[in-house]
Amino acid sequence: MNIIKTCDTQSIKIASNLLKNGNVIGIPTDTIYGLACSANDSEAIKNLYDIKGRNEEKPVAICVSDFNDLKHWGQASHLKDELLRQLLPGPVTIVLNKSIHLNNPYLNPGTEKIGIRIPDFNFIRDVCREFSMPVALTSANKSSEKSSLSIEEFQALWCKLGAVFDGGRLSDAEENRKGSTVIDLSVPNEYKVIRQGIAFENTISLVEEYDFREAI
């Protein structure tokens, strides 16, 4: 297992190749470190859940590089571009109905929804762009344990990963461990907060400006 600095000029291509070969990798985001794999690779998804020690009925999100990808993998035609561009990139996960292109039966079985992230962190977005497929993403820690702001905090998982990409300590603020704000915008003009995360107040303010109201 290799530790690779994200500033290495070859690191983006290395990460992409590992994803293409079915590996799970450790990778920095704009909030916490994540575990990532190909979202359309059934064996990789099963391995991700095994490493995480996560119940397979508990959903994971996907990470993409830009808005066109979000609209390709999720049903977002009811969301205005202006709203999306104010929410993303950033520490927000938008839950939408899956598009027909996201067809891995092991990815969030039992639900037609998917959380989609565009982190405000160039490295992971560049990896997604190079990979050109959706990347399944969950926090780099065992289930029920605290999330990680540095690679050392999930060192127990290193031996199970294809590589760890070191972006340094992401923050000294413990608040960052809350991760992204997860909001369900799958129904036109309705929202439901799944997880408050670190961008809760700003996210709610924005969606309500666009006439979204909390689902009853």
Protein backbone atom coordinates (compact mmCIF):
# COMPACT_ATOMS: atom_id res chain seq x y z
CA MET A 1 0.00 0.00 0.00
CA ASN A 2 1.45 3.38 -1.03
CA ILE A 3 1.13 6.81 0.52
CA ILE A 4 1.05 9.31 -2.35
CA LYS A 5 1.17 13.07 -1.99
CA THR A 6 -1.62 14.84 -3.87
CA CYS A 7 0.92 17.37 -5.16
CA ASP A 8 2.69 14.61 -7.11
CA THR A 9 2.11 15.35 -10.82
CA GLN A 10 1.27 11.69 -11.48
CA SER A 11 -1.06 11.25 -8.49
CA ILE A 12 -4.29 12.01 -10.39
CA LYS A 13 -3.55 9.38 -13.04
CA ILE A 14 -2.46 6.85 -10.41
CA ALA A 15 -5.71 7.35 -8.48
CA SER A 16 -7.78 7.00 -11.64
CA ASN A 17 -6.01 3.79 -12.65
CA LEU A 18 -6.53 2.31 -9.19
CA LEU A 19 -10.26 3.06 -9.42
CA LYS A 20 -10.40 1.49 -12.90
CA ASN A 21 -8.79 -1.64 -11.50
CA GLY A 22 -11.41 -2.01 -8.76
CA ASN A 23 -9.40 -0.68 -5.82
CA VAL A 24 -10.68 1.26 -2.84
CA ILE A 25 -8.51 4.30 -2.10
CA GLY A 26 -8.21 6.89 0.66
CA ILE A 27 -8.66 10.41 -0.66
CA PRO A 28 -9.03 13.97 0.71
CA THR A 29 -12.15 16.08 0.19
CA ASP A 30 -13.13 19.60 1.21
CA THR A 31 -14.34 18.36 4.61
CA ILE A 32 -12.85 15.01 5.68
CA TYR A 33 -10.92 12.10 4.20
CA GLY A 34 -12.96 9.62 2.23
CA LEU A 35 -12.87 6.05 1.00
CA ALA A 36 -13.54 5.93 -2.72
CA CYS A 37 -14.11 3.32 -5.41
CA SER A 38 -15.84 2.96 -8.76
CA ALA A 39 -19.59 3.36 -8.24
CA ASN A 40 -20.47 1.05 -11.14
CA ASP A 41 -18.15 -1.78 -10.05
CA SER A 42 -20.12 -4.30 -7.97
CA GLU A 43 -17.06 -5.99 -6.45
CA ALA A 44 -15.48 -2.65 -5.55
CA ILE A 45 -18.68 -1.52 -3.80
CA LYS A 46 -18.84 -4.76 -1.79
CA ASN A 47 -15.19 -4.27 -0.81
CA LEU A 48 -15.89 -0.68 0.23
CA TYR A 49 -18.66 -1.82 2.57
CA ASP A 50 -16.44 -4.56 3.97
CA ILE A 51 -13.56 -2.16 4.69
CA LYS A 52 -15.93 0.34 6.25
CA GLY A 53 -17.73 -2.32 8.30
CA ARG A 54 -20.92 -0.71 7.07
CA ASN A 55 -24.40 -2.18 6.76
CA GLU A 56 -25.02 -2.66 3.04
CA GLU A 57 -28.48 -1.12 3.41
CA LYS A 58 -26.93 2.17 4.52
CA PRO A 59 -26.37 4.32 1.41
CA VAL A 60 -23.16 5.88 0.18
CA ALA A 61 -22.86 8.96 -2.02
CA ILE A 62 -21.10 9.43 -5.33
CA CYS A 63 -18.59 12.13 -6.19
CA VAL A 64 -18.42 13.81 -9.62
CA SER A 65 -16.35 16.58 -11.14
CA ASP A 66 -18.96 19.03 -12.44
CA PHE A 67 -22.62 19.90 -13.01
CA ASN A 68 -22.99 17.98 -16.26
CA ASP A 69 -21.95 14.80 -14.43
CA LEU A 70 -24.42 15.50 -11.64
CA LYS A 71 -27.21 15.79 -14.21
CA HIS A 72 -26.06 12.63 -16.00
CA TRP A 73 -26.05 10.37 -12.93
CA GLY A 74 -28.96 12.00 -11.07
CA GLN A 75 -32.36 13.31 -12.11
CA ALA A 76 -31.86 17.05 -11.66
CA SER A 77 -33.91 18.66 -14.43
CA HIS A 78 -36.15 20.36 -11.83
CA LEU A 79 -33.19 22.15 -10.21
CA LYS A 80 -32.17 25.54 -11.56
CA ASP A 81 -28.55 25.95 -12.60
CA GLU A 82 -28.34 29.10 -10.50
CA LEU A 83 -29.20 27.14 -7.35
CA LEU A 84 -26.75 24.37 -8.12
CA ARG A 85 -23.96 26.86 -8.75
CA GLN A 86 -24.55 28.49 -5.38
CA LEU A 87 -24.57 25.17 -3.54
CA LEU A 88 -21.71 23.51 -5.43
CA PRO A 89 -18.85 22.91 -5.45
CA GLY A 90 -18.86 22.81 -1.68
CA PRO A 91 -19.61 20.76 1.44
CA VAL A 92 -23.11 19.75 0.32
CA THR A 93 -24.45 16.36 -0.81
CA ILE A 94 -27.58 16.63 -2.94
CA VAL A 95 -29.86 13.59 -2.87
CA LEU A 96 -31.67 12.93 -6.15
CA ASN A 97 -33.35 10.05 -7.90
CA LYS A 98 -30.82 7.90 -9.75
CA SER A 99 -30.68 8.23 -13.52
CA ILE A 100 -30.78 5.16 -15.75
CA HIS A 101 -27.02 5.43 -16.16
CA LEU A 102 -26.34 4.52 -12.52
CA ASN A 103 -27.10 0.83 -12.77
CA ASN A 104 -25.03 -0.99 -10.15
CA PRO A 105 -27.47 -3.13 -8.11
CA TYR A 106 -25.04 -3.11 -5.18
CA LEU A 107 -25.00 0.69 -4.99
CA ASN A 108 -27.65 1.65 -2.42
CA PRO A 109 -29.96 -1.33 -2.97
CA GLY A 110 -33.56 -0.78 -1.97
CA THR A 111 -33.62 2.91 -2.89
CA GLU A 112 -33.91 4.79 -6.15
CA LYS A 113 -32.04 7.76 -4.68
CA ILE A 114 -28.38 8.75 -4.70
CA GLY A 115 -26.43 11.47 -2.90
CA ILE A 116 -24.14 13.41 -5.24
CA ARG A 117 -21.13 15.51 -4.21
CA ILE A 118 -18.97 18.03 -6.06
CA PRO A 119 -16.36 18.86 -3.40
CA ASP A 120 -14.57 22.19 -3.37
CA PHE A 121 -11.25 20.35 -3.55
CA ASN A 122 -9.38 20.23 -6.84
CA PHE A 123 -7.61 16.91 -6.37
CA ILE A 124 -10.68 14.72 -5.95
CA ARG A 125 -12.50 16.55 -8.74
CA ASP A 126 -9.52 16.08 -11.04
CA VAL A 127 -9.49 12.37 -10.20
CA CYS A 128 -13.20 12.12 -11.02
CA ARG A 129 -12.60 13.96 -14.29
CA GLU A 130 -9.71 11.64 -15.23
CA PHE A 131 -11.70 8.56 -14.24
CA SER A 132 -14.77 9.81 -16.18
CA MET A 133 -17.17 7.64 -14.18
CA PRO A 134 -18.96 8.21 -10.87
CA VAL A 135 -16.90 7.56 -7.74
CA ALA A 136 -18.58 6.06 -4.68
CA LEU A 137 -17.54 8.01 -1.60
CA THR A 138 -17.90 7.51 2.14
CA SER A 139 -15.93 8.77 5.13
CA ALA A 140 -12.53 7.17 5.84
CA ASN A 141 -13.24 5.49 9.14
CA LYS A 142 -14.89 2.39 10.48
CA SER A 143 -18.64 2.77 10.90
CA SER A 144 -19.55 4.48 14.20
CA GLU A 145 -16.01 5.86 14.62
CA LYS A 146 -15.10 9.53 14.19
CA SER A 147 -14.29 10.83 10.73
CA SER A 148 -10.72 11.66 9.71
CA LEU A 149 -9.03 15.02 9.13
CA SER A 150 -5.62 13.45 8.45
CA ILE A 151 -4.48 10.16 6.95
CA GLU A 152 -2.99 9.03 10.27
CA GLU A 153 -6.48 8.95 11.79
CA PHE A 154 -7.54 6.05 9.55
CA GLN A 155 -4.20 4.24 9.57
CA ALA A 156 -5.90 1.00 10.68
CA LEU A 157 -7.54 0.81 7.24
CA TRP A 158 -4.42 1.43 5.14
CA CYS A 159 -3.61 -2.25 4.66
CA LYS A 160 -6.97 -2.78 2.92
CA LEU A 161 -6.60 0.11 0.46
CA GLY A 162 -5.00 0.31 -2.97
CA ALA A 163 -3.32 3.59 -1.94
CA VAL A 164 -3.77 6.58 0.35
CA PHE A 165 -3.55 10.05 -1.16
CA ASP A 166 -2.18 12.51 1.36
CA GLY A 167 -3.49 16.06 1.13
CA GLY A 168 -2.19 16.99 4.58
CA ARG A 169 -4.33 17.83 7.56
CA LEU A 170 -7.57 19.18 6.10
CA SER A 171 -8.59 21.38 9.03
CA ASP A 172 -7.92 22.07 12.68
CA ALA A 173 -11.63 22.70 13.22
CA GLU A 174 -13.40 19.77 14.85
CA GLU A 175 -16.59 21.01 13.19
CA ASN A 176 -15.27 19.68 9.87
CA ARG A 177 -15.73 16.15 11.17
CA LYS A 178 -19.48 16.64 10.69
CA GLY A 179 -18.89 16.23 6.96
CA SER A 180 -21.05 17.64 4.22
CA THR A 181 -24.64 18.76 4.66
CA VAL A 182 -26.89 16.12 3.08
CA ILE A 183 -30.15 17.42 1.65
CA ASP A 184 -32.80 15.58 -0.36
CA LEU A 185 -33.94 17.70 -3.31
CA SER A 186 -35.43 14.83 -5.32
CA VAL A 187 -38.97 16.27 -5.22
CA PRO A 188 -39.60 19.64 -6.93
CA ASN A 189 -39.90 22.49 -4.44
CA GLU A 190 -39.40 20.24 -1.41
CA TYR A 191 -36.36 19.59 0.73
CA LYS A 192 -35.54 17.18 3.50
CA VAL A 193 -32.39 17.42 5.58
CA ILE A 194 -30.73 14.02 5.95
CA ARG A 195 -27.66 15.27 7.83
CA GLN A 196 -27.00 18.79 9.05
CA GLY A 197 -23.24 18.76 8.35
CA ILE A 198 -21.13 21.91 8.26
CA ALA A 199 -23.10 23.94 5.69
CA PHE A 200 -26.58 23.52 7.16
CA GLU A 201 -27.67 27.12 7.66
CA ASN A 202 -26.39 28.40 4.31
CA THR A 203 -27.88 25.45 2.44
CA ILE A 204 -31.35 25.89 3.93
CA SER A 205 -31.25 29.63 3.30
CA LEU A 206 -30.37 29.07 -0.35
CA VAL A 207 -32.96 26.41 -1.16
CA GLU A 208 -35.68 28.45 0.51
CA GLU A 209 -34.74 31.44 -1.64
CA TYR A 210 -35.63 29.21 -4.60
CA ASP A 211 -39.05 28.38 -3.13
CA PHE A 212 -38.19 25.00 -1.71
CA ARG A 213 -40.07 24.20 1.48
CA GLU A 214 -39.33 21.54 4.07
CA ALA A 215 -41.20 18.30 3.38
CA ILE A 216 -43.91 17.57 5.91
